[in-house]
Amino acid sequence: MARSAQFVDQMLIVDIECSELTSKPDLEISKSPNKVSDTRVGDIALRLSDEEEMWQALVVGLRDYVSKNGFRSVVLGLSGGIDSALVASIAIDAVGAKAVNGVAMPSKYSSDHSIEDAQLLADNTGIHFRITPIAPMVDAYLENLTLKGLAEENLQARVRGTALMGISNQEGHLVLATGNKSELAVGYSTLYGDAVGGFAPIKDIYKTDVWALANWRNQHAIKAGQVAPIPERSITKEPSAELRPGQKDSDSLPDYKVLDKLLMAYVDQDRGFQELLNDGFDPDLVRRVLSLVDKAEYKRRQYPPGTKVSSRAFGKDRRLPMTSGWSEN
């Protein structure tokens, strides 16, 4: 009959005709609505595509959180990778480019193309951008602490988190965390490092959806005669935290297409260990991933809030104890 547009303020007035209804003692309540009319009596807005619907939900969620909590601007770390590029693009659509502050924080392990891609995103969109090398800060820590291996890697992430919180404290921006649902699920993040922030726009978005949304946003811009905001290399290059020489996400995690399919079954659909084996997943992979998910609950509890767009988001939708001897497998 009529439908208003999604995710926008709009008033829809519809006049309908229906037969007179009177209350009777034997009135029955049914879940099936009465058929009123097949006649179109108002405007019918087009339904959004899956990607645009998800995008608009993320934009509205971030915009509302920023405005309703008294912030006028946001700040985030720009690594040159796909996650931070996507979050920056969402923020631009939510609060405007002039209210978005990107900070590149290269370390001695950062590649030249990462800084170039972060700069290119800023050039494409007009956001505020600065480069703050963290090597001197990390070296100052290492002069007083003997840290090696994973401890040194996490130190870099925590220095970046401290820098962002310092900028936020000084300039009044809301810090945006850029982690996705795949990373949160398996604990692929650093507490008080890349997990720092006041809001996490894509915490309920799996990595494969991150790529899909990035491609959609670029195509949407091109169709509108605008510059695509996200650098193509940020979308196509292999994901890496760049905390050690030659590091890639695939060194620690399965291929994201396989991982996300497994996570959707376990997290979103509550499929158990045996059910996942019946679904055809490799037993060793299932044991490993389920163990990672179960052990990472304490990290997820400390992660910033974010927009819920799935049927089963971490938090109230999936309540599990942080400390438990139970294991699905």
Protein backbone atom coordinates (compact mmCIF):
# COMPACT_ATOMS: atom_id res chain seq x y z
CA MET A 1 0.00 0.00 0.00
CA ALA A 2 2.69 2.48 1.02
CA ARG A 3 6.27 2.50 2.23
CA SER A 4 8.54 5.29 3.42
CA ALA A 5 12.26 5.45 2.74
CA GLN A 6 14.64 3.54 5.01
CA PHE A 7 16.98 5.26 7.49
CA VAL A 8 15.77 8.80 6.82
CA ASP A 9 13.37 11.13 8.65
CA GLN A 10 10.12 11.09 6.75
CA MET A 11 6.39 11.47 7.45
CA LEU A 12 4.11 9.01 5.67
CA ILE A 13 0.35 9.66 5.76
CA VAL A 14 -1.94 6.92 4.44
CA ASP A 15 -5.74 6.97 4.18
CA ILE A 16 -7.37 3.55 4.02
CA GLU A 17 -10.90 2.28 3.83
CA CYS A 18 -12.00 -0.72 5.82
CA SER A 19 -15.25 -2.24 6.94
CA GLU A 20 -16.60 -1.29 10.33
CA LEU A 21 -15.31 -3.54 13.08
CA THR A 22 -17.11 -4.08 16.37
CA SER A 23 -15.84 -5.79 19.47
CA LYS A 24 -17.56 -9.06 20.31
CA PRO A 25 -17.24 -11.31 23.37
CA ASP A 26 -15.96 -14.12 21.18
CA LEU A 27 -13.38 -11.94 19.44
CA GLU A 28 -10.38 -14.00 18.31
CA ILE A 29 -6.88 -12.60 18.08
CA SER A 30 -4.86 -13.76 15.11
CA LYS A 31 -1.25 -13.18 14.11
CA SER A 32 -2.41 -12.96 10.49
CA PRO A 33 -3.36 -9.36 9.61
CA ASN A 34 -6.71 -8.65 8.01
CA LYS A 35 -6.56 -7.93 4.33
CA VAL A 36 -7.40 -4.26 3.92
CA SER A 37 -6.80 -3.27 0.32
CA ASP A 38 -4.63 -4.06 -2.66
CA THR A 39 -4.88 -0.48 -3.82
CA ARG A 40 -1.83 1.74 -3.65
CA VAL A 41 -2.80 4.70 -1.49
CA GLY A 42 0.57 6.31 -0.81
CA ASP A 43 4.12 6.62 -2.02
CA ILE A 44 6.15 3.43 -2.13
CA ALA A 45 9.86 3.96 -1.59
CA LEU A 46 12.20 1.50 -3.26
CA ARG A 47 13.80 -1.09 -1.03
CA LEU A 48 17.53 -0.70 -0.57
CA SER A 49 19.96 -3.38 -1.69
CA ASP A 50 21.51 -5.53 1.04
CA GLU A 51 24.76 -3.56 0.91
CA GLU A 52 23.09 -0.15 0.93
CA GLU A 53 20.74 -1.18 3.73
CA MET A 54 23.68 -2.29 5.87
CA TRP A 55 25.63 0.85 4.97
CA GLN A 56 22.80 3.19 5.90
CA ALA A 57 22.28 1.35 9.19
CA LEU A 58 25.96 1.84 10.05
CA VAL A 59 25.84 5.51 9.08
CA VAL A 60 22.71 6.24 11.13
CA GLY A 61 24.06 4.26 14.09
CA LEU A 62 27.30 6.23 14.18
CA ARG A 63 25.64 9.60 13.53
CA ASP A 64 23.16 9.09 16.36
CA TYR A 65 25.81 7.93 18.82
CA VAL A 66 28.06 10.90 18.06
CA SER A 67 25.34 13.53 18.27
CA LYS A 68 23.43 12.10 21.22
CA ASN A 69 26.61 11.87 23.29
CA GLY A 70 27.59 15.47 22.68
CA PHE A 71 30.48 14.99 20.24
CA ARG A 72 31.00 17.07 17.13
CA SER A 73 33.88 15.15 15.55
CA VAL A 74 35.63 11.78 15.47
CA VAL A 75 39.22 10.56 15.25
CA LEU A 76 40.59 7.21 14.12
CA GLY A 77 43.85 5.59 13.18
CA LEU A 78 44.35 5.24 9.42
CA SER A 79 46.60 2.29 8.68
CA GLY A 80 46.06 2.22 4.93
CA GLY A 81 44.13 -1.03 5.35
CA ILE A 82 40.55 -1.87 4.50
CA ASP A 83 39.02 -1.74 8.01
CA SER A 84 40.12 1.78 8.89
CA ALA A 85 39.33 2.97 5.35
CA LEU A 86 35.79 1.62 5.65
CA VAL A 87 35.25 3.15 9.09
CA ALA A 88 36.53 6.50 7.83
CA SER A 89 34.10 6.36 4.90
CA ILE A 90 31.18 5.53 7.20
CA ALA A 91 32.19 8.42 9.46
CA ILE A 92 32.33 10.82 6.50
CA ASP A 93 28.78 9.92 5.48
CA ALA A 94 27.65 10.13 9.11
CA VAL A 95 29.17 13.42 10.32
CA GLY A 96 30.83 15.00 7.28
CA ALA A 97 34.44 15.00 6.12
CA LYS A 98 35.36 18.14 8.06
CA ALA A 99 34.43 16.41 11.32
CA VAL A 100 36.62 13.35 10.65
CA ASN A 101 40.25 13.25 11.77
CA GLY A 102 42.54 10.52 10.47
CA VAL A 103 45.89 9.76 12.05
CA ALA A 104 48.54 7.60 10.38
CA MET A 105 50.92 6.18 12.99
CA PRO A 106 53.65 4.32 11.13
CA SER A 107 56.19 2.15 12.91
CA LYS A 108 59.48 0.79 11.63
CA TYR A 109 57.53 -2.16 10.23
CA SER A 110 54.99 -0.07 8.31
CA SER A 111 55.23 -0.27 4.54
CA ASP A 112 55.45 2.79 2.32
CA HIS A 113 52.24 1.82 0.53
CA SER A 114 50.33 1.82 3.83
CA ILE A 115 51.14 5.48 4.44
CA GLU A 116 50.46 6.28 0.78
CA ASP A 117 47.04 4.59 0.93
CA ALA A 118 46.10 6.45 4.12
CA GLN A 119 47.15 9.73 2.50
CA LEU A 120 45.22 8.90 -0.67
CA LEU A 121 42.03 8.26 1.28
CA ALA A 122 42.43 11.65 2.96
CA ASP A 123 43.03 13.30 -0.43
CA ASN A 124 39.98 11.57 -1.93
CA THR A 125 37.64 12.61 0.86
CA GLY A 126 38.97 15.87 2.31
CA ILE A 127 39.18 14.69 5.92
CA HIS A 128 41.73 16.14 8.33
CA PHE A 129 44.89 14.03 8.24
CA ARG A 130 48.16 13.92 10.11
CA ILE A 131 51.12 11.55 10.30
CA THR A 132 52.48 10.76 13.76
CA PRO A 133 55.34 8.23 13.69
CA ILE A 134 55.31 5.99 16.77
CA ALA A 135 58.89 4.68 16.50
CA PRO A 136 60.34 7.26 18.95
CA MET A 137 57.62 6.47 21.50
CA VAL A 138 58.08 2.72 21.13
CA ASP A 139 61.86 3.08 21.45
CA ALA A 140 61.41 5.06 24.67
CA TYR A 141 59.44 2.16 26.14
CA LEU A 142 61.95 -0.42 24.96
CA GLU A 143 64.81 1.51 26.56
CA ASN A 144 63.16 0.86 29.91
CA LEU A 145 61.39 -2.45 29.28
CA THR A 146 62.77 -5.63 27.74
CA LEU A 147 59.98 -6.73 25.42
CA LYS A 148 60.28 -9.16 22.55
CA GLY A 149 58.03 -11.09 20.19
CA LEU A 150 54.31 -10.71 20.79
CA ALA A 151 54.88 -8.33 23.71
CA GLU A 152 56.75 -5.93 21.42
CA GLU A 153 54.06 -6.24 18.74
CA ASN A 154 51.32 -5.42 21.23
CA LEU A 155 53.33 -2.48 22.57
CA GLN A 156 53.12 -0.82 19.14
CA ALA A 157 49.34 -1.21 19.11
CA ARG A 158 49.06 0.19 22.63
CA VAL A 159 51.22 3.19 21.80
CA ARG A 160 48.87 3.93 18.91
CA GLY A 161 45.88 3.59 21.22
CA THR A 162 47.46 5.95 23.75
CA ALA A 163 48.19 8.49 21.01
CA LEU A 164 44.59 8.43 19.78
CA MET A 165 43.20 8.82 23.30
CA GLY A 166 45.60 11.71 23.89
CA ILE A 167 44.41 13.47 20.74
CA SER A 168 40.82 12.82 21.79
CA ASN A 169 41.45 14.22 25.25
CA GLN A 170 43.16 17.32 23.85
CA GLU A 171 40.84 18.09 20.94
CA GLY A 172 37.50 16.60 22.01
CA HIS A 173 37.00 13.97 19.29
CA LEU A 174 35.26 10.62 19.77
CA VAL A 175 37.76 7.81 19.12
CA LEU A 176 36.53 5.16 16.67
CA ALA A 177 37.77 1.59 16.96
CA THR A 178 38.14 -0.14 13.60
CA GLY A 179 37.93 -3.85 14.46
CA ASN A 180 35.50 -6.12 12.61
CA LYS A 181 33.38 -9.04 13.83
CA SER A 182 35.77 -11.69 12.51
CA GLU A 183 38.62 -10.23 14.58
CA LEU A 184 36.45 -9.80 17.66
CA ALA A 185 35.22 -13.37 17.38
CA VAL A 186 38.68 -14.95 17.53
CA GLY A 187 40.34 -12.31 19.72
CA TYR A 188 42.59 -10.95 16.98
CA SER A 189 43.07 -7.58 18.66
CA THR A 190 45.17 -5.93 21.36
CA LEU A 191 43.53 -4.80 24.57
CA TYR A 192 44.19 -1.08 25.15
CA GLY A 193 45.67 -0.97 21.65
CA ASP A 194 43.60 -1.29 18.47
CA ALA A 195 40.67 -2.16 20.75
CA VAL A 196 40.70 1.33 22.27
CA GLY A 197 37.91 3.76 21.50
CA GLY A 198 34.49 5.12 22.35
CA PHE A 199 32.55 3.50 19.51
CA ALA A 200 33.18 0.64 17.09
CA PRO A 201 31.15 1.13 13.88
CA ILE A 202 31.93 -2.23 12.23
CA LYS A 203 32.14 -4.54 15.25
CA ASP A 204 29.11 -6.47 13.93
CA ILE A 205 30.44 -6.75 10.36
CA TYR A 206 32.40 -9.81 9.25
CA LYS A 207 35.56 -9.27 7.23
CA THR A 208 34.06 -10.57 4.00
CA ASP A 209 31.25 -8.03 4.41
CA VAL A 210 33.86 -5.32 4.98
CA TRP A 211 35.21 -5.96 1.50
CA ALA A 212 31.71 -6.10 0.02
CA LEU A 213 30.74 -2.77 1.62
CA ALA A 214 33.97 -1.11 0.50
CA ASN A 215 33.37 -2.16 -3.10
CA TRP A 216 29.74 -1.04 -2.90
CA ARG A 217 30.65 2.38 -1.49
CA ASN A 218 33.22 3.00 -4.21
CA GLN A 219 30.80 1.96 -6.95
CA HIS A 220 28.09 4.13 -5.40
CA ALA A 221 30.42 7.13 -5.55
CA ILE A 222 31.43 6.45 -9.15
CA LYS A 223 27.78 6.16 -10.26
CA ALA A 224 27.13 9.53 -8.64
CA GLY A 225 30.04 11.09 -10.53
CA GLN A 226 32.18 11.35 -7.40
CA VAL A 227 35.67 10.15 -6.51
CA ALA A 228 35.70 6.69 -4.95
CA PRO A 229 36.73 7.27 -1.32
CA ILE A 230 38.57 4.02 -0.61
CA PRO A 231 41.88 3.39 -2.43
CA GLU A 232 41.72 0.28 -4.57
CA ARG A 233 44.93 -1.07 -3.05
CA SER A 234 43.37 -0.93 0.42
CA ILE A 235 40.71 -3.34 -0.86
CA THR A 236 42.91 -5.70 -2.85
CA LYS A 237 46.07 -6.05 -0.77
CA GLU A 238 46.47 -8.89 1.71
CA PRO A 239 45.45 -7.85 5.24
CA SER A 240 48.31 -7.26 7.68
CA ALA A 241 48.71 -5.70 11.12
CA GLU A 242 52.32 -4.79 10.18
CA LEU A 243 53.64 -5.33 13.70
CA ARG A 244 56.59 -7.43 12.54
CA PRO A 245 58.48 -7.89 9.25
CA GLY A 246 56.40 -9.58 6.55
CA GLN A 247 53.40 -10.15 8.83
CA LYS A 248 50.07 -11.16 7.28
CA ASP A 249 46.71 -11.99 8.88
CA SER A 250 46.89 -15.39 7.19
CA ASP A 251 49.88 -16.23 9.40
CA SER A 252 47.52 -16.39 12.39
CA LEU A 253 44.06 -16.92 10.90
CA PRO A 254 42.41 -19.12 8.26
CA ASP A 255 41.31 -17.58 4.99
CA TYR A 256 38.57 -15.10 5.84
CA LYS A 257 36.06 -16.66 3.44
CA VAL A 258 36.37 -19.96 5.29
CA LEU A 259 36.65 -18.36 8.73
CA ASP A 260 33.58 -16.17 8.28
CA LYS A 261 31.45 -19.04 7.06
CA LEU A 262 32.41 -21.03 10.15
CA LEU A 263 31.90 -18.07 12.49
CA MET A 264 28.45 -17.34 11.06
CA ALA A 265 27.44 -20.93 11.75
CA TYR A 266 28.88 -21.03 15.28
CA VAL A 267 28.17 -17.49 16.50
CA ASP A 268 25.08 -16.40 14.55
CA GLN A 269 23.33 -19.76 14.16
CA ASP A 270 24.46 -21.55 17.35
CA ARG A 271 25.71 -24.58 15.45
CA GLY A 272 27.52 -26.98 17.78
CA PHE A 273 30.77 -28.86 17.24
CA GLN A 274 29.20 -32.01 15.78
CA GLU A 275 26.80 -29.99 13.64
CA LEU A 276 29.73 -28.06 12.19
CA LEU A 277 31.47 -31.32 11.32
CA ASN A 278 28.26 -32.51 9.67
CA ASP A 279 28.27 -29.25 7.69
CA GLY A 280 31.59 -30.32 6.19
CA PHE A 281 34.07 -28.15 8.10
CA ASP A 282 37.53 -29.56 8.79
CA PRO A 283 37.64 -31.01 12.35
CA ASP A 284 41.00 -29.43 13.23
CA LEU A 285 39.84 -26.04 11.95
CA VAL A 286 36.62 -26.28 13.96
CA ARG A 287 38.49 -27.15 17.15
CA ARG A 288 40.93 -24.30 16.66
CA VAL A 289 38.38 -21.62 15.79
CA LEU A 290 35.89 -22.60 18.49
CA SER A 291 38.67 -22.53 21.06
CA LEU A 292 39.71 -19.04 19.92
CA VAL A 293 36.12 -17.78 20.09
CA ASP A 294 35.47 -19.22 23.54
CA LYS A 295 38.71 -17.86 25.00
CA ALA A 296 38.22 -14.33 23.62
CA GLU A 297 35.09 -13.49 25.62
CA TYR A 298 37.08 -11.36 28.07
CA LYS A 299 38.35 -9.21 25.20
CA ARG A 300 34.91 -8.70 23.72
CA ARG A 301 33.54 -7.57 27.09
CA GLN A 302 36.05 -4.71 27.08
CA TYR A 303 35.46 -3.64 23.48
CA PRO A 304 33.60 -0.38 22.72
CA PRO A 305 29.89 -0.47 21.81
CA GLY A 306 28.86 -0.47 18.18
CA THR A 307 25.92 -0.66 15.79
CA LYS A 308 24.06 -3.98 15.71
CA VAL A 309 23.16 -5.06 12.18
CA SER A 310 23.06 -8.86 12.43
CA SER A 311 20.64 -11.27 14.08
CA ARG A 312 23.27 -12.21 16.67
CA ALA A 313 25.69 -9.50 17.75
CA PHE A 314 28.27 -9.95 20.49
CA GLY A 315 27.06 -8.69 23.84
CA LYS A 316 23.44 -9.02 24.93
CA ASP A 317 22.63 -11.34 22.01
CA ARG A 318 25.28 -13.85 23.03
CA ARG A 319 25.76 -14.05 26.78
CA LEU A 320 28.54 -16.35 27.90
CA PRO A 321 30.75 -16.25 31.02
CA MET A 322 34.27 -14.86 30.74
CA THR A 323 35.60 -17.56 33.07
CA SER A 324 34.46 -21.12 32.46
CA GLY A 325 35.92 -24.59 32.14
CA TRP A 326 33.29 -25.49 29.55
CA SER A 327 34.28 -26.04 25.94
CA GLU A 328 32.08 -26.72 22.91
CA ASN A 329 34.62 -29.20 21.57
